[in-house]
Protein backbone atom coordinates (compact mmCIF):
# COMPACT_ATOMS: atom_id res chain seq x y z
CA MET A 1 111.88 111.37 112.63
CA ASP A 2 108.84 109.14 112.17
CA ILE A 3 109.07 106.02 109.98
CA SER A 4 106.09 107.17 107.92
CA GLN A 5 107.89 110.45 107.18
CA LEU A 6 110.88 108.48 105.89
CA TYR A 7 109.08 105.81 103.93
CA GLY A 8 105.49 107.01 103.49
CA GLU A 9 103.34 104.05 102.56
CA ILE A 10 105.93 102.24 100.46
CA PRO A 11 105.52 98.50 101.06
CA LEU A 12 108.61 97.03 102.71
CA SER A 13 109.97 93.51 102.41
CA ILE A 14 110.83 91.35 105.40
CA ASN A 15 114.53 91.96 104.57
CA GLN A 16 114.01 95.73 104.77
CA VAL A 17 112.12 95.43 108.06
CA GLN A 18 114.90 93.24 109.47
CA THR A 19 117.45 95.90 108.51
CA MET A 20 115.36 98.78 109.88
CA THR A 21 114.43 97.18 113.20
CA GLY A 22 117.25 94.74 113.93
CA VAL A 23 114.70 91.94 114.38
CA LYS A 24 115.71 88.80 112.49
CA LYS A 25 113.42 87.36 109.82
CA PRO A 26 112.62 84.12 111.72
CA THR A 27 111.65 86.23 114.74
CA LEU A 28 109.40 88.44 112.61
CA ARG A 29 107.69 85.34 111.23
CA TYR A 30 107.26 83.94 114.74
CA TRP A 31 105.82 87.22 116.03
CA GLU A 32 103.27 87.15 113.21
CA LYS A 33 102.00 83.88 114.70
CA VAL A 34 102.03 84.78 118.38
CA PHE A 35 100.83 88.39 117.91
CA SER A 36 98.47 87.54 115.03
CA ASP A 37 95.78 89.97 116.21
CA PHE A 38 98.33 92.79 116.26
CA LEU A 39 100.86 92.08 113.50
CA GLN A 40 99.63 90.84 110.10
CA PRO A 41 101.54 92.26 107.14
CA ASP A 42 99.86 92.06 103.76
CA ARG A 43 100.99 89.52 101.18
CA THR A 44 101.80 89.92 97.52
CA ASP A 45 100.29 87.67 94.85
CA GLY A 46 103.49 85.64 95.22
CA ASN A 47 102.80 85.30 98.99
CA GLN A 48 105.71 87.56 100.03
CA ARG A 49 105.21 89.76 103.07
CA CYS A 50 104.58 93.48 102.49
CA TYR A 51 105.01 95.52 105.66
CA ASN A 52 103.55 99.02 105.86
CA THR A 53 104.61 101.73 108.31
CA THR A 54 101.99 100.62 110.85
CA ASP A 55 103.41 97.08 110.76
CA VAL A 56 106.95 98.41 111.29
CA LYS A 57 105.81 100.54 114.24
CA ARG A 58 104.17 97.45 115.71
CA VAL A 59 107.37 95.43 115.30
CA ILE A 60 109.26 98.19 117.10
CA GLU A 61 106.64 98.24 119.88
CA ILE A 62 106.82 94.46 120.34
CA LYS A 63 110.63 94.60 120.34
CA HIS A 64 110.56 97.35 122.97
CA LEU A 65 108.22 95.37 125.23
CA LEU A 66 110.15 92.12 124.95
CA PHE A 67 113.77 93.30 124.92
CA GLU A 68 113.78 96.62 126.77
CA GLU A 69 110.84 96.32 129.17
CA LYS A 70 111.57 92.58 129.64
CA TYR A 71 107.96 91.46 129.24
CA THR A 72 107.24 87.81 128.49
CA ILE A 73 105.28 87.08 125.32
CA GLU A 74 102.11 86.64 127.36
CA GLY A 75 102.84 89.82 129.30
CA ALA A 76 103.41 91.73 126.07
CA LYS A 77 100.11 90.39 124.71
CA ARG A 78 98.33 91.65 127.82
CA ARG A 79 100.10 95.01 127.53
CA LEU A 80 98.97 95.28 123.91
CA GLY A 81 95.41 94.34 124.89
CA LEU A 82 95.49 91.00 123.07
CA ALA A 83 94.90 88.61 125.95
CA GLY A 84 91.24 88.10 126.77
CA ASN A 85 89.03 91.17 126.72
CA GLN A 86 91.33 93.44 128.71
CA PRO A 87 91.68 96.95 127.29
CA ARG A 88 95.12 98.23 126.42
CA GLN A 89 96.74 99.85 129.44
CA PRO A 90 98.57 103.18 129.05
CA ASN A 91 101.38 102.32 131.51
CA GLY A 92 102.73 99.36 133.46
CA GLY A 93 101.05 96.06 134.18
CA GLY A 94 101.47 92.72 132.50
CA ARG A 95 105.06 91.80 133.23
């Protein structure tokens, strides 16, 4: 089942995203910095993070690249099309 089917567009806190994805809060904050062109959750007026389903899918994609595919951060950036002007590749490359 798709995340958007479960949660729709309900904004999720960083605690909820940590629980859903298994990615710790400090890691999520770090990924926001290093993948800033790819992962930028909205903020509330109180400056708290509000993740939407697209953000959660992106966290899951980054987690998959780093922990399952064993990409480095730079390799994952290339795979996501974030390094230079390279287009996103459908398969392989960038490890």
